[in-house]
Amino acid sequence: MERPATVRTDGHAARPPGSPPAVWTAFLIQSAWKSWTIVALLGVIGLLAMANLRLATRPPEYVLVDAAGRMTAVKRSVATDALLEFLAERTRPPEMAIVRFTRDFLHLALAVNSTTIEANWPAALAMMSPELRGRVAAEAAARKLLETYKLAQRKTDLAFEEVVLEDRTPTLLTVRATMTRRTEPLVGGAGAAVSDRVEVDLALRIVPPTTERPDGLEVAEWRLTSLGVKDAGTGNGAGTQEGSRAQK
């Protein structure tokens, strides 16, 4: 009489049929090693993030350069109030840069030429603060100023009389520019020339220097006031800069 076959199973972890014990054990070890590696990498990433956050929030340090070119590092934590005030004064935009920035902006915004306004007007907008740029661009689009100036076929020349820095705070500058503005046709004999004197008051905001703001300045507000017509021809003066009046 035949006895029934008996199948024995041990108490160890189940293995796929036909899998060599050594291979299966190595696979389990490798899987466990990969899991711990991922945990370790996440820990390292977390430590690096914390270190970067501390570096980003740490007060800046300074390097002083004397007349001989020798450099001395100064930690913010040990700098005196007098030294910090001196460094803040040295990093402010110099008056020459303020005057040049003002003249460049007014040339782009007011010296309108029908052949160059498509390039100059966006450049003038780029020198404004985001808030002022949005308001001026919206108004210009609503009034179709670019299209009007292009069709007018006129050009404007500016002659600066003075550019004065009237007031200065740690974050804001007040500048007043007085100039003569002459508008005439691009082609001689196509219309009358008109000249007038204008005064422009600008509020310039001091910002961190960047590639877009190399001077560390931007126009926060500006207001144009006409001081009267100097001489006018028989034309209607259609090319005068009415669209560049005060922006509030």
Protein backbone atom coordinates (compact mmCIF):
# COMPACT_ATOMS: atom_id res chain seq x y z
CA MET A 1 0.00 0.00 0.00
CA GLU A 2 1.41 3.35 -1.08
CA ARG A 3 1.75 6.17 1.42
CA PRO A 4 0.59 9.66 0.41
CA ALA A 5 3.34 12.12 -0.37
CA THR A 6 4.04 14.71 2.30
CA VAL A 7 5.16 18.26 1.51
CA ARG A 8 7.08 20.03 4.24
CA THR A 9 7.47 23.80 4.53
CA ASP A 10 9.91 25.39 6.88
CA GLY A 11 9.16 28.46 8.98
CA HIS A 12 11.41 30.80 6.95
CA ALA A 13 10.19 33.61 4.66
CA ALA A 14 8.42 32.41 1.55
CA ARG A 15 10.41 32.42 -1.68
CA PRO A 16 9.22 32.24 -5.25
CA PRO A 17 9.30 28.69 -6.53
CA GLY A 18 12.63 27.75 -7.98
CA SER A 19 14.50 30.79 -6.56
CA PRO A 20 17.92 29.98 -5.13
CA PRO A 21 18.04 30.98 -1.44
CA ALA A 22 21.26 32.99 -1.82
CA VAL A 23 19.90 35.07 -4.69
CA TRP A 24 16.67 35.90 -2.88
CA THR A 25 18.52 36.91 0.28
CA ALA A 26 20.83 39.21 -1.69
CA PHE A 27 17.82 40.83 -3.34
CA LEU A 28 16.23 41.56 0.05
CA ILE A 29 19.47 43.05 1.37
CA GLN A 30 19.86 45.25 -1.70
CA SER A 31 16.29 46.54 -1.40
CA ALA A 32 16.82 47.42 2.25
CA TRP A 33 20.08 49.22 1.39
CA LYS A 34 18.34 51.33 -1.28
CA SER A 35 15.62 52.35 1.16
CA TRP A 36 18.14 53.54 3.74
CA THR A 37 20.06 55.39 1.01
CA ILE A 38 16.94 57.34 0.05
CA VAL A 39 16.35 58.23 3.71
CA ALA A 40 19.95 59.41 4.07
CA LEU A 41 19.75 61.55 0.91
CA LEU A 42 16.55 63.19 2.13
CA GLY A 43 18.28 64.00 5.39
CA VAL A 44 21.26 65.58 3.59
CA ILE A 45 18.93 67.66 1.40
CA GLY A 46 17.11 68.89 4.49
CA LEU A 47 20.39 69.93 6.16
CA LEU A 48 21.51 71.78 3.02
CA ALA A 49 18.19 73.62 2.82
CA MET A 50 18.53 74.74 6.44
CA ALA A 51 22.10 75.91 5.82
CA ASN A 52 21.08 77.90 2.73
CA LEU A 53 18.22 79.51 4.65
CA ARG A 54 20.57 80.62 7.42
CA LEU A 55 23.05 82.03 4.90
CA ALA A 56 20.29 83.92 3.07
CA THR A 57 19.03 85.55 6.27
CA ARG A 58 22.46 86.41 7.66
CA PRO A 59 23.29 90.13 7.60
CA PRO A 60 25.73 91.10 4.82
CA GLU A 61 29.38 91.72 5.45
CA TYR A 62 31.53 94.47 3.96
CA VAL A 63 34.99 94.83 2.54
CA LEU A 64 36.76 98.15 2.99
CA VAL A 65 39.45 99.14 0.51
CA ASP A 66 41.97 101.79 1.51
CA ALA A 67 43.94 104.12 -0.77
CA ALA A 68 46.72 101.54 -1.19
CA GLY A 69 44.27 98.89 -2.37
CA ARG A 70 44.41 96.84 0.84
CA MET A 71 41.11 95.18 1.73
CA THR A 72 39.70 94.65 5.22
CA ALA A 73 36.66 92.47 5.87
CA VAL A 74 34.14 93.88 8.35
CA LYS A 75 31.44 91.69 9.86
CA ARG A 76 28.02 93.28 10.18
CA SER A 77 27.73 92.07 13.77
CA VAL A 78 30.77 94.09 14.88
CA ALA A 79 30.27 97.14 12.64
CA THR A 80 29.50 100.40 14.42
CA ASP A 81 26.56 102.65 13.62
CA ALA A 82 28.94 105.27 12.23
CA LEU A 83 30.52 102.73 9.88
CA LEU A 84 27.13 101.46 8.67
CA GLU A 85 25.99 105.03 8.05
CA PHE A 86 29.19 105.72 6.11
CA LEU A 87 28.71 102.59 3.99
CA ALA A 88 25.07 103.47 3.30
CA GLU A 89 26.17 106.93 2.16
CA ARG A 90 28.84 105.50 -0.12
CA THR A 91 26.43 103.04 -1.75
CA ARG A 92 23.84 105.73 -2.60
CA PRO A 93 23.66 106.73 -6.27
CA PRO A 94 25.95 109.74 -6.84
CA GLU A 95 24.41 112.98 -8.05
CA MET A 96 26.03 112.63 -11.47
CA ALA A 97 24.31 109.25 -11.97
CA ILE A 98 20.99 110.75 -10.85
CA VAL A 99 21.26 113.59 -13.37
CA ARG A 100 22.21 111.22 -16.19
CA PHE A 101 19.38 108.81 -15.33
CA THR A 102 16.89 111.72 -15.31
CA ARG A 103 18.07 113.07 -18.65
CA ASP A 104 17.99 109.62 -20.26
CA PHE A 105 14.43 109.01 -19.04
CA LEU A 106 13.15 112.39 -20.21
CA HIS A 107 14.76 111.95 -23.63
CA LEU A 108 13.00 108.61 -24.03
CA ALA A 109 9.65 109.81 -22.69
CA LEU A 110 9.43 113.36 -24.09
CA ALA A 111 11.76 113.66 -27.08
CA VAL A 112 9.23 111.85 -29.25
CA ASN A 113 10.14 111.03 -32.83
CA SER A 114 7.63 109.33 -35.09
CA THR A 115 10.32 107.04 -36.49
CA THR A 116 11.80 105.90 -33.15
CA ILE A 117 8.87 105.94 -30.73
CA GLU A 118 8.28 102.18 -31.06
CA ALA A 119 11.71 101.55 -29.52
CA ASN A 120 11.98 104.54 -27.17
CA TRP A 121 8.58 104.28 -25.49
CA PRO A 122 9.08 100.70 -24.16
CA ALA A 123 12.53 101.75 -22.94
CA ALA A 124 10.97 104.67 -21.03
CA LEU A 125 8.38 102.34 -19.49
CA ALA A 126 11.16 99.96 -18.40
CA MET A 127 12.72 102.77 -16.31
CA MET A 128 9.50 103.22 -14.30
CA SER A 129 8.38 101.37 -11.21
CA PRO A 130 5.96 98.48 -11.84
CA GLU A 131 3.02 100.47 -10.45
CA LEU A 132 3.67 103.58 -12.54
CA ARG A 133 4.47 101.51 -15.62
CA GLY A 134 1.12 99.74 -15.44
CA ARG A 135 -0.84 102.99 -15.17
CA VAL A 136 1.05 104.80 -17.92
CA ALA A 137 0.97 101.84 -20.31
CA ALA A 138 -2.78 101.41 -19.79
CA GLU A 139 -3.44 105.10 -20.44
CA ALA A 140 -1.22 105.13 -23.53
CA ALA A 141 -2.99 102.09 -24.94
CA ALA A 142 -6.44 103.57 -24.25
CA ARG A 143 -5.54 106.83 -26.00
CA LYS A 144 -3.61 105.11 -28.81
CA LEU A 145 -0.65 107.42 -28.26
CA LEU A 146 1.86 105.32 -30.20
CA GLU A 147 -0.36 105.19 -33.27
CA THR A 148 -1.05 108.94 -33.03
CA TYR A 149 2.62 109.88 -32.77
CA LYS A 150 3.62 107.58 -35.63
CA LEU A 151 1.01 109.12 -37.94
CA ALA A 152 1.94 112.69 -36.91
CA GLN A 153 5.35 112.44 -38.63
CA ARG A 154 6.97 114.91 -36.24
CA LYS A 155 10.05 115.01 -34.07
CA THR A 156 10.84 116.66 -30.73
CA ASP A 157 14.17 117.98 -29.48
CA LEU A 158 14.93 118.78 -25.83
CA ALA A 159 17.35 121.44 -24.59
CA PHE A 160 17.97 121.08 -20.85
CA GLU A 161 18.36 124.26 -18.84
CA GLU A 162 18.95 122.55 -15.49
CA VAL A 163 18.44 119.31 -13.61
CA VAL A 164 18.37 119.82 -9.83
CA LEU A 165 18.32 117.26 -7.03
CA GLU A 166 15.95 118.98 -4.60
CA ASP A 167 15.51 116.43 -1.82
CA ARG A 168 16.98 113.11 -0.80
CA THR A 169 15.96 110.40 1.65
CA PRO A 170 17.41 106.90 2.12
CA THR A 171 14.84 105.48 -0.32
CA LEU A 172 13.51 108.38 -2.42
CA LEU A 173 14.88 111.28 -4.48
CA THR A 174 13.09 114.39 -5.71
CA VAL A 175 14.44 115.85 -8.97
CA ARG A 176 13.28 118.87 -10.96
CA ALA A 177 14.24 119.36 -14.62
CA THR A 178 13.62 122.49 -16.68
CA MET A 179 13.97 122.34 -20.45
CA THR A 180 12.93 123.79 -23.78
CA ARG A 181 10.97 121.48 -26.05
CA ARG A 182 10.81 122.06 -29.79
CA THR A 183 8.47 120.04 -32.00
CA GLU A 184 8.67 120.21 -35.77
CA PRO A 185 7.81 118.08 -38.84
CA LEU A 186 10.16 115.30 -39.94
CA VAL A 187 10.14 116.84 -43.43
CA GLY A 188 10.77 120.56 -43.83
CA GLY A 189 7.79 122.62 -44.94
CA ALA A 190 5.25 119.98 -43.86
CA GLY A 191 3.96 122.00 -40.92
CA ALA A 192 4.75 124.57 -38.27
CA ALA A 193 7.35 124.24 -35.53
CA VAL A 194 6.34 124.86 -31.92
CA SER A 195 8.63 125.55 -28.95
CA ASP A 196 7.73 125.75 -25.28
CA ARG A 197 9.36 125.55 -21.86
CA VAL A 198 8.39 122.74 -19.51
CA GLU A 199 9.22 121.75 -15.97
CA VAL A 200 9.21 118.12 -14.88
CA ASP A 201 9.15 116.98 -11.26
CA LEU A 202 10.24 113.38 -10.71
CA ALA A 203 10.25 111.08 -7.70
CA LEU A 204 13.03 108.52 -8.13
CA ARG A 205 13.07 105.42 -5.95
CA ILE A 206 16.39 103.90 -4.87
CA VAL A 207 16.39 100.14 -5.56
CA PRO A 208 19.07 97.42 -5.43
CA PRO A 209 21.25 97.60 -8.57
CA THR A 210 20.48 94.87 -11.09
CA THR A 211 21.08 94.21 -14.78
CA GLU A 212 17.82 96.04 -15.54
CA ARG A 213 18.57 98.77 -12.95
CA PRO A 214 22.34 99.34 -13.13
CA ASP A 215 21.99 102.82 -11.57
CA GLY A 216 19.85 101.52 -8.71
CA LEU A 217 17.04 103.96 -9.64
CA GLU A 218 13.51 103.83 -11.01
CA VAL A 219 10.88 106.50 -11.68
CA ALA A 220 8.13 106.24 -9.07
CA GLU A 221 6.13 109.35 -10.13
CA TRP A 222 6.50 112.27 -12.53
CA ARG A 223 4.62 115.45 -13.29
CA LEU A 224 5.01 117.79 -16.28
CA THR A 225 4.11 121.49 -16.10
CA SER A 226 4.09 123.82 -19.11
CA LEU A 227 5.81 127.16 -18.52
CA GLY A 228 4.41 128.72 -21.69
CA VAL A 229 4.94 128.69 -25.45
CA LYS A 230 8.14 130.41 -26.56
CA ASP A 231 7.26 130.70 -30.25
CA ALA A 232 4.59 129.15 -32.44
CA GLY A 233 4.02 128.90 -36.13
CA THR A 234 0.78 129.11 -38.03
CA GLY A 235 0.08 125.39 -37.64
CA ASN A 236 -2.08 123.82 -35.00
CA GLY A 237 0.83 122.31 -33.06
CA ALA A 238 -0.56 118.78 -33.34
CA GLY A 239 2.81 117.28 -32.51
CA THR A 240 3.17 118.72 -29.02
CA GLN A 241 3.63 116.24 -26.19
CA GLU A 242 0.19 116.32 -24.59
CA GLY A 243 0.36 112.61 -23.95
CA SER A 244 3.43 113.04 -21.72
CA ARG A 245 1.71 115.21 -19.13
CA ALA A 246 1.63 114.39 -15.43
CA GLN A 247 1.14 110.75 -14.50
CA LYS A 248 -0.51 110.29 -11.11
